[in-house]
Amino acid sequence: MELKYIMCDNNSFAIFSLTETHSDMCRGMYGKPVSAGFCNFARKADTEYANVHCYGESVTLRLKSREEDEQIINKKLENNY
């Protein structure tokens, strides 16, 4: 399932539907957006956890995804299990 995401300078993030625009979603976020793009989830082998994969860019925010976005999101998701 493809989704969109935004990452802020304080490592807060939002993952949301393709029907929303990045620029509309960032209005309700705390922190300054530093990257944005698309993401999808895949189950990690031999675990019950899912891994997020981030890629692409946001045209409305003029921001690209970063490699570290995946690490930040995955770490946060694993800590919440």
Protein backbone atom coordinates (compact mmCIF):
# COMPACT_ATOMS: atom_id res chain seq x y z
CA MET A 1 0.00 0.00 0.00
CA GLU A 2 1.50 3.31 -1.04
CA LEU A 3 1.19 6.26 1.35
CA LYS A 4 2.70 9.73 1.74
CA TYR A 5 4.85 11.02 4.57
CA ILE A 6 6.44 14.20 5.93
CA MET A 7 9.43 14.37 8.30
CA CYS A 8 10.07 17.45 10.46
CA ASP A 9 13.30 18.83 11.94
CA ASN A 10 12.35 17.48 15.39
CA ASN A 11 12.00 13.92 13.96
CA SER A 12 8.23 14.01 14.22
CA PHE A 13 6.51 12.61 11.16
CA ALA A 14 3.14 12.00 9.60
CA ILE A 15 2.12 9.13 7.34
CA PHE A 16 -1.09 9.69 5.43
CA SER A 17 -3.28 8.85 2.45
CA LEU A 18 -2.44 9.61 -1.17
CA THR A 19 -5.65 11.64 -1.36
CA GLU A 20 -4.12 14.38 0.83
CA THR A 21 -1.45 16.82 -0.33
CA HIS A 22 1.84 17.19 1.49
CA SER A 23 1.30 20.94 1.79
CA ASP A 24 -2.15 20.53 3.39
CA MET A 25 -0.88 17.95 5.89
CA CYS A 26 2.17 19.93 6.99
CA ARG A 27 -0.05 22.80 8.16
CA GLY A 28 -1.08 20.78 11.21
CA MET A 29 2.39 19.58 12.15
CA TYR A 30 4.81 20.87 14.76
CA GLY A 31 8.31 21.52 13.50
CA LYS A 32 9.70 22.53 10.15
CA PRO A 33 9.33 19.99 7.31
CA VAL A 34 12.77 18.80 6.16
CA SER A 35 11.80 15.92 3.86
CA ALA A 36 8.74 14.37 2.29
CA GLY A 37 7.72 11.80 -0.24
CA PHE A 38 6.07 8.42 -0.46
CA CYS A 39 6.34 5.27 1.62
CA ASN A 40 5.14 1.72 1.82
CA PHE A 41 5.33 -1.04 4.41
CA ALA A 42 6.73 -4.55 4.08
CA ARG A 43 6.86 -7.21 6.76
CA LYS A 44 10.33 -7.96 8.10
CA ALA A 45 11.42 -11.54 7.58
CA ASP A 46 11.05 -13.75 10.67
CA THR A 47 9.39 -11.01 12.76
CA GLU A 48 5.97 -9.55 13.35
CA TYR A 49 7.24 -6.04 12.59
CA ALA A 50 6.75 -4.07 9.41
CA ASN A 51 9.48 -2.01 7.81
CA VAL A 52 8.76 1.28 6.10
CA HIS A 53 10.48 2.19 2.83
CA CYS A 54 10.63 5.91 1.94
CA TYR A 55 11.24 7.27 -1.55
CA GLY A 56 10.38 10.01 -4.01
CA GLU A 57 9.57 13.61 -3.30
CA SER A 58 6.84 16.11 -2.57
CA VAL A 59 6.09 18.49 -5.41
CA THR A 60 3.93 20.77 -3.23
CA LEU A 61 6.62 21.15 -0.53
CA ARG A 62 9.61 20.91 -2.89
CA LEU A 63 11.25 18.37 -0.56
CA LYS A 64 12.80 14.98 -1.28
CA SER A 65 12.86 11.86 0.83
CA ARG A 66 16.07 11.09 2.71
CA GLU A 67 17.68 7.75 3.52
CA GLU A 68 17.62 8.50 7.25
CA ASP A 69 13.83 8.97 7.17
CA GLU A 70 13.37 5.20 7.00
CA GLN A 71 15.65 4.68 9.98
CA ILE A 72 13.87 7.30 12.09
CA ILE A 73 10.39 5.99 11.29
CA ASN A 74 11.31 2.32 11.68
CA LYS A 75 12.99 2.92 15.03
CA LYS A 76 9.96 4.82 16.32
CA LEU A 77 7.57 2.12 15.13
CA GLU A 78 9.62 -0.67 16.71
CA ASN A 79 9.79 1.19 20.04
CA ASN A 80 5.98 1.42 20.08
CA TYR A 81 5.36 -2.35 19.75
